[in-house]
């Protein structure tokens, strides 16, 4: 009698974990933002080399900033969310200036016209 109860408990456990696993995979996908599983605030910290160039139109853009910006341009929605994050705001980043960095870096493939809030990429 003990053996069937033990197997039944194991079966119930396995089935419940399977159901919970599927709900975990599909149930949390709606909680991801424009950067997927990446935290926007942490991603904003990675753009630290671009801070000065994102504050002033005439500021020189470093090569390091251009390299980082080129990688971030693969997902313009994520980049836009980063430029409007609390971390960027606290650093003094001006989104209307930051959206000009790809052009100032001479990046050929950039999301021209993609709106970042009220400001389109140029």
N, C-alpha and C. Protein backbone atom coordinates (compact mmCIF):
# COMPACT_ATOMS: atom_id res chain seq x y z
N UNK A 1 0.82 -1.19 0.00
CA UNK A 1 0.00 0.00 0.00
C UNK A 1 0.86 1.26 0.00
N UNK A 2 1.99 1.24 0.69
CA UNK A 2 2.85 2.41 0.75
C UNK A 2 3.45 2.74 -0.60
N UNK A 3 3.84 1.76 -1.36
CA UNK A 3 4.49 1.99 -2.66
C UNK A 3 3.58 2.72 -3.63
N UNK A 4 2.31 2.35 -3.82
CA UNK A 4 1.45 3.10 -4.73
C UNK A 4 1.24 4.56 -4.28
N UNK A 5 1.15 4.79 -2.98
CA UNK A 5 0.97 6.15 -2.47
C UNK A 5 2.22 6.98 -2.78
N UNK A 6 3.39 6.37 -2.61
CA UNK A 6 4.65 7.06 -2.89
C UNK A 6 4.72 7.44 -4.37
N UNK A 7 4.37 6.51 -5.26
CA UNK A 7 4.40 6.79 -6.69
C UNK A 7 3.36 7.84 -7.08
N UNK A 8 2.20 7.79 -6.41
CA UNK A 8 1.17 8.78 -6.69
C UNK A 8 1.64 10.17 -6.28
N UNK A 9 2.31 10.29 -5.15
CA UNK A 9 2.84 11.58 -4.70
C UNK A 9 3.89 12.10 -5.68
N UNK A 10 4.74 11.22 -6.16
CA UNK A 10 5.77 11.62 -7.12
C UNK A 10 5.12 12.08 -8.42
N UNK A 11 4.12 11.34 -8.88
CA UNK A 11 3.42 11.70 -10.11
C UNK A 11 2.73 13.06 -9.96
N UNK A 12 2.07 13.30 -8.85
CA UNK A 12 1.39 14.59 -8.62
C UNK A 12 2.43 15.71 -8.60
N UNK A 13 3.56 15.48 -7.97
CA UNK A 13 4.62 16.48 -7.90
C UNK A 13 5.15 16.81 -9.30
N UNK A 14 5.44 15.80 -10.08
CA UNK A 14 5.97 16.00 -11.43
C UNK A 14 4.96 16.75 -12.30
N UNK A 15 3.71 16.38 -12.24
CA UNK A 15 2.68 17.04 -13.04
C UNK A 15 2.53 18.50 -12.60
N UNK A 16 2.51 18.76 -11.31
CA UNK A 16 2.36 20.15 -10.84
C UNK A 16 3.57 21.00 -11.22
N UNK A 17 4.77 20.44 -11.17
CA UNK A 17 5.96 21.20 -11.57
C UNK A 17 5.96 21.47 -13.07
N UNK A 18 5.45 20.53 -13.85
CA UNK A 18 5.36 20.71 -15.30
C UNK A 18 4.39 21.85 -15.62
N UNK A 19 3.25 21.85 -14.96
CA UNK A 19 2.27 22.91 -15.18
C UNK A 19 2.84 24.25 -14.74
N UNK A 20 3.47 24.29 -13.59
CA UNK A 20 4.07 25.53 -13.09
C UNK A 20 5.17 26.01 -14.03
N UNK A 21 5.94 25.09 -14.57
CA UNK A 21 7.01 25.45 -15.50
C UNK A 21 6.47 26.09 -16.76
N UNK A 22 5.41 25.55 -17.32
CA UNK A 22 4.82 26.13 -18.52
C UNK A 22 4.24 27.51 -18.24
N UNK A 23 3.59 27.66 -17.10
CA UNK A 23 3.05 28.96 -16.75
C UNK A 23 4.16 29.97 -16.51
N UNK A 24 5.26 29.52 -15.97
CA UNK A 24 6.39 30.41 -15.75
C UNK A 24 6.98 30.90 -17.05
N UNK A 25 7.08 30.04 -18.04
CA UNK A 25 7.65 30.42 -19.32
C UNK A 25 6.72 31.36 -20.07
N UNK A 26 5.46 31.01 -20.13
CA UNK A 26 4.52 31.81 -20.91
C UNK A 26 3.88 32.92 -20.09
N UNK A 27 3.77 32.74 -18.80
CA UNK A 27 3.09 33.72 -17.96
C UNK A 27 3.90 34.98 -17.71
N UNK A 28 5.22 34.89 -17.72
CA UNK A 28 6.03 36.07 -17.41
C UNK A 28 6.50 36.81 -18.64
N UNK A 29 6.23 36.32 -19.83
CA UNK A 29 6.72 36.98 -21.03
C UNK A 29 6.12 38.37 -21.19
N UNK A 30 4.94 38.59 -20.64
CA UNK A 30 4.30 39.89 -20.74
C UNK A 30 4.98 40.93 -19.84
N UNK A 31 5.82 40.51 -18.93
CA UNK A 31 6.45 41.43 -17.99
C UNK A 31 7.76 41.98 -18.52
N UNK A 32 8.27 41.45 -19.62
CA UNK A 32 9.52 41.93 -20.18
C UNK A 32 9.27 43.24 -20.89
N UNK A 33 10.22 44.15 -20.79
CA UNK A 33 10.09 45.44 -21.44
C UNK A 33 10.72 45.45 -22.81
N UNK A 34 11.01 46.64 -23.32
CA UNK A 34 11.57 46.75 -24.67
C UNK A 34 12.98 46.17 -24.80
N UNK A 35 13.65 45.96 -23.67
CA UNK A 35 15.00 45.38 -23.70
C UNK A 35 14.99 43.90 -23.35
N UNK A 36 13.82 43.28 -23.43
CA UNK A 36 13.73 41.86 -23.10
C UNK A 36 13.96 41.62 -21.63
N UNK A 37 14.82 40.68 -21.32
CA UNK A 37 15.09 40.34 -19.92
C UNK A 37 16.10 41.28 -19.28
N UNK A 38 16.69 42.18 -20.06
CA UNK A 38 17.71 43.08 -19.53
C UNK A 38 17.07 44.23 -18.77
N UNK A 39 17.67 44.58 -17.64
CA UNK A 39 17.21 45.69 -16.82
C UNK A 39 17.61 47.00 -17.51
N UNK A 40 16.65 47.86 -17.76
CA UNK A 40 16.90 49.10 -18.48
C UNK A 40 17.89 49.98 -17.73
N UNK A 41 17.79 50.04 -16.42
CA UNK A 41 18.70 50.89 -15.64
C UNK A 41 20.15 50.40 -15.74
N UNK A 42 20.33 49.09 -15.75
CA UNK A 42 21.70 48.54 -15.91
C UNK A 42 22.22 48.79 -17.31
N UNK A 43 21.33 48.68 -18.29
CA UNK A 43 21.73 48.96 -19.67
C UNK A 43 22.10 50.44 -19.82
N UNK A 44 21.41 51.31 -19.11
CA UNK A 44 21.72 52.74 -19.17
C UNK A 44 23.12 53.02 -18.61
N UNK A 45 23.53 52.27 -17.62
CA UNK A 45 24.87 52.45 -17.05
C UNK A 45 25.95 52.10 -18.06
N UNK A 46 25.65 51.20 -18.97
CA UNK A 46 26.63 50.81 -19.99
C UNK A 46 26.89 51.94 -20.98
N UNK A 47 25.97 52.91 -21.06
CA UNK A 47 26.14 54.04 -21.97
C UNK A 47 26.86 55.22 -21.30
N UNK A 48 27.51 54.96 -20.19
CA UNK A 48 28.23 56.02 -19.47
C UNK A 48 29.23 56.77 -20.36
N UNK A 49 29.96 56.12 -21.27
CA UNK A 49 30.89 56.87 -22.12
C UNK A 49 30.20 57.89 -23.04
N UNK A 50 28.90 57.79 -23.18
CA UNK A 50 28.15 58.69 -24.06
C UNK A 50 27.50 59.85 -23.30
N UNK A 51 27.66 59.91 -21.99
CA UNK A 51 26.94 60.89 -21.19
C UNK A 51 27.20 62.32 -21.64
N UNK A 52 28.46 62.70 -21.80
CA UNK A 52 28.78 64.08 -22.17
C UNK A 52 28.23 64.42 -23.55
N UNK A 53 28.36 63.49 -24.48
CA UNK A 53 27.85 63.71 -25.84
C UNK A 53 26.33 63.74 -25.88
N UNK A 54 25.68 63.14 -24.90
CA UNK A 54 24.22 63.13 -24.84
C UNK A 54 23.66 64.35 -24.14
N UNK A 55 24.54 65.19 -23.63
CA UNK A 55 24.10 66.43 -22.98
C UNK A 55 24.20 67.64 -23.90
N UNK A 56 25.21 67.62 -24.77
CA UNK A 56 25.52 68.80 -25.59
C UNK A 56 25.63 68.42 -27.07
N UNK A 57 24.95 69.20 -27.92
CA UNK A 57 24.97 68.94 -29.36
C UNK A 57 26.38 68.99 -29.95
N UNK A 58 27.20 69.89 -29.50
CA UNK A 58 28.52 70.10 -30.10
C UNK A 58 29.64 69.32 -29.41
N UNK A 59 29.29 68.53 -28.43
CA UNK A 59 30.32 67.75 -27.72
C UNK A 59 30.85 66.64 -28.63
N UNK A 60 32.16 66.39 -28.56
CA UNK A 60 32.71 65.30 -29.36
C UNK A 60 32.20 63.94 -28.83
N UNK A 61 32.03 63.01 -29.75
CA UNK A 61 31.56 61.68 -29.38
C UNK A 61 32.76 60.74 -29.42
N UNK A 62 33.01 60.06 -28.31
CA UNK A 62 34.16 59.17 -28.24
C UNK A 62 33.95 57.93 -29.08
N UNK A 63 35.06 57.30 -29.46
CA UNK A 63 34.99 56.07 -30.25
C UNK A 63 34.31 54.97 -29.45
N UNK A 64 34.56 54.93 -28.16
CA UNK A 64 33.94 53.94 -27.27
C UNK A 64 32.42 54.12 -27.27
N UNK A 65 31.98 55.37 -27.21
CA UNK A 65 30.54 55.65 -27.24
C UNK A 65 29.94 55.18 -28.56
N UNK A 66 30.62 55.45 -29.66
CA UNK A 66 30.10 55.05 -30.97
C UNK A 66 29.98 53.53 -31.08
N UNK A 67 30.95 52.82 -30.53
CA UNK A 67 30.92 51.36 -30.55
C UNK A 67 29.73 50.83 -29.76
N UNK A 68 29.52 51.39 -28.58
CA UNK A 68 28.39 50.97 -27.74
C UNK A 68 27.07 51.32 -28.42
N UNK A 69 27.00 52.53 -28.96
CA UNK A 69 25.77 52.99 -29.60
C UNK A 69 25.41 52.12 -30.81
N UNK A 70 26.41 51.71 -31.56
CA UNK A 70 26.17 50.87 -32.74
C UNK A 70 25.55 49.53 -32.32
N UNK A 71 26.00 48.98 -31.19
CA UNK A 71 25.43 47.72 -30.69
C UNK A 71 24.00 47.92 -30.22
N UNK A 72 23.75 49.03 -29.56
CA UNK A 72 22.41 49.30 -29.02
C UNK A 72 21.39 49.59 -30.12
N UNK A 73 21.86 50.05 -31.27
CA UNK A 73 20.95 50.39 -32.36
C UNK A 73 20.27 49.17 -32.98
N UNK A 74 20.73 47.98 -32.63
CA UNK A 74 20.07 46.78 -33.14
C UNK A 74 18.65 46.66 -32.61
N UNK A 75 18.37 47.36 -31.50
CA UNK A 75 17.02 47.38 -30.93
C UNK A 75 16.68 48.83 -30.57
N UNK A 76 16.17 49.61 -31.52
CA UNK A 76 15.90 51.03 -31.27
C UNK A 76 14.92 51.28 -30.12
N UNK A 77 13.96 50.40 -29.93
CA UNK A 77 13.00 50.58 -28.83
C UNK A 77 13.68 50.47 -27.48
N UNK A 78 14.64 49.54 -27.38
CA UNK A 78 15.40 49.39 -26.14
C UNK A 78 16.27 50.63 -25.92
N UNK A 79 16.94 51.08 -26.96
CA UNK A 79 17.78 52.27 -26.84
C UNK A 79 16.96 53.47 -26.41
N UNK A 80 15.77 53.61 -26.96
CA UNK A 80 14.89 54.71 -26.60
C UNK A 80 14.50 54.62 -25.12
N UNK A 81 14.18 53.43 -24.66
CA UNK A 81 13.83 53.24 -23.24
C UNK A 81 15.01 53.58 -22.35
N UNK A 82 16.21 53.23 -22.78
CA UNK A 82 17.42 53.55 -22.01
C UNK A 82 17.61 55.06 -21.93
N UNK A 83 17.42 55.75 -23.05
CA UNK A 83 17.62 57.21 -23.08
C UNK A 83 16.59 57.94 -22.23
N UNK A 84 15.45 57.30 -21.98
CA UNK A 84 14.42 57.92 -21.16
C UNK A 84 14.35 57.33 -19.75
N UNK A 85 15.37 56.57 -19.37
CA UNK A 85 15.38 55.91 -18.06
C UNK A 85 15.71 56.92 -16.95
N UNK A 86 15.46 56.50 -15.73
CA UNK A 86 15.77 57.33 -14.56
C UNK A 86 17.29 57.55 -14.46
N UNK A 87 18.07 56.53 -14.76
CA UNK A 87 19.53 56.64 -14.71
C UNK A 87 20.02 57.70 -15.69
N UNK A 88 19.50 57.67 -16.91
CA UNK A 88 19.90 58.67 -17.91
C UNK A 88 19.46 60.06 -17.48
N UNK A 89 18.26 60.17 -16.96
CA UNK A 89 17.76 61.46 -16.49
C UNK A 89 18.64 62.03 -15.39
N UNK A 90 18.98 61.18 -14.42
CA UNK A 90 19.83 61.62 -13.30
C UNK A 90 21.23 62.01 -13.77
N UNK A 91 21.69 61.44 -14.88
CA UNK A 91 23.01 61.78 -15.41
C UNK A 91 22.97 63.05 -16.26
N UNK A 92 21.76 63.59 -16.49
CA UNK A 92 21.63 64.81 -17.27
C UNK A 92 21.52 64.59 -18.77
N UNK A 93 21.25 63.36 -19.18
CA UNK A 93 21.11 63.05 -20.60
C UNK A 93 19.87 63.74 -21.14
N UNK A 94 20.02 64.38 -22.27
CA UNK A 94 18.89 65.02 -22.96
C UNK A 94 18.54 64.16 -24.17
N UNK A 95 17.38 63.51 -24.16
CA UNK A 95 17.02 62.61 -25.26
C UNK A 95 17.08 63.28 -26.63
N UNK A 96 16.71 64.54 -26.72
CA UNK A 96 16.73 65.23 -28.01
C UNK A 96 18.16 65.39 -28.54
N UNK A 97 19.14 65.36 -27.65
CA UNK A 97 20.55 65.41 -28.06
C UNK A 97 21.06 63.99 -28.30
N UNK A 98 20.67 63.07 -27.43
CA UNK A 98 21.15 61.68 -27.50
C UNK A 98 20.77 61.01 -28.82
N UNK A 99 19.61 61.34 -29.36
CA UNK A 99 19.19 60.70 -30.62
C UNK A 99 20.04 61.15 -31.81
N UNK A 100 20.86 62.18 -31.62
CA UNK A 100 21.74 62.63 -32.71
C UNK A 100 23.09 61.92 -32.69
N UNK A 101 23.38 61.17 -31.65
CA UNK A 101 24.69 60.51 -31.53
C UNK A 101 24.97 59.55 -32.68
N UNK A 102 24.03 58.70 -33.12
CA UNK A 102 24.34 57.81 -34.24
C UNK A 102 24.80 58.56 -35.49
N UNK A 103 24.18 59.69 -35.79
CA UNK A 103 24.59 60.47 -36.95
C UNK A 103 25.96 61.09 -36.71
N UNK A 104 26.20 61.57 -35.50
CA UNK A 104 27.50 62.18 -35.17
C UNK A 104 28.62 61.14 -35.18
N UNK A 105 28.25 59.87 -35.00
CA UNK A 105 29.23 58.77 -35.06
C UNK A 105 29.42 58.27 -36.50
N UNK A 106 28.65 58.80 -37.43
CA UNK A 106 28.67 58.35 -38.82
C UNK A 106 28.30 56.88 -38.95
N UNK A 107 27.34 56.43 -38.15
CA UNK A 107 26.85 55.06 -38.24
C UNK A 107 25.91 55.00 -39.43
N UNK A 108 26.23 54.15 -40.39
CA UNK A 108 25.48 54.09 -41.64
C UNK A 108 24.07 53.54 -41.44
N UNK A 109 23.94 52.45 -40.69
CA UNK A 109 22.64 51.83 -40.48
C UNK A 109 22.09 52.32 -39.16
N UNK A 110 21.19 53.27 -39.25
CA UNK A 110 20.57 53.83 -38.05
C UNK A 110 19.07 53.99 -38.28
N UNK A 111 18.30 54.02 -37.22
CA UNK A 111 16.84 54.06 -37.37
C UNK A 111 16.32 55.47 -37.64
N UNK A 112 16.63 56.01 -38.78
CA UNK A 112 16.21 57.37 -39.13
C UNK A 112 14.69 57.45 -39.10
N UNK A 113 14.18 58.43 -38.39
CA UNK A 113 12.74 58.63 -38.30
C UNK A 113 12.07 57.85 -37.19
N UNK A 114 12.75 56.86 -36.59
CA UNK A 114 12.17 56.11 -35.47
C UNK A 114 11.99 57.07 -34.30
N UNK A 115 10.78 57.17 -33.80
CA UNK A 115 10.50 58.13 -32.73
C UNK A 115 10.96 57.58 -31.38
N UNK A 116 11.63 58.44 -30.67
CA UNK A 116 12.04 58.15 -29.28
C UNK A 116 11.32 59.17 -28.43
N UNK A 117 10.11 58.85 -28.02
CA UNK A 117 9.26 59.84 -27.36
C UNK A 117 8.83 60.84 -28.43
N UNK A 118 9.14 62.10 -28.20
CA UNK A 118 8.78 63.15 -29.17
C UNK A 118 9.90 63.41 -30.15
N UNK A 119 11.03 62.73 -29.98
CA UNK A 119 12.23 63.04 -30.76
C UNK A 119 12.57 61.91 -31.73
N UNK A 120 12.59 62.18 -33.03
CA UNK A 120 12.98 61.14 -34.00
C UNK A 120 14.49 61.03 -34.11
N UNK A 121 14.97 59.81 -34.37
CA UNK A 121 16.39 59.63 -34.65
C UNK A 121 16.69 60.32 -35.98
N UNK A 122 17.88 60.92 -36.04
CA UNK A 122 18.29 61.60 -37.30
C UNK A 122 19.47 60.88 -37.90
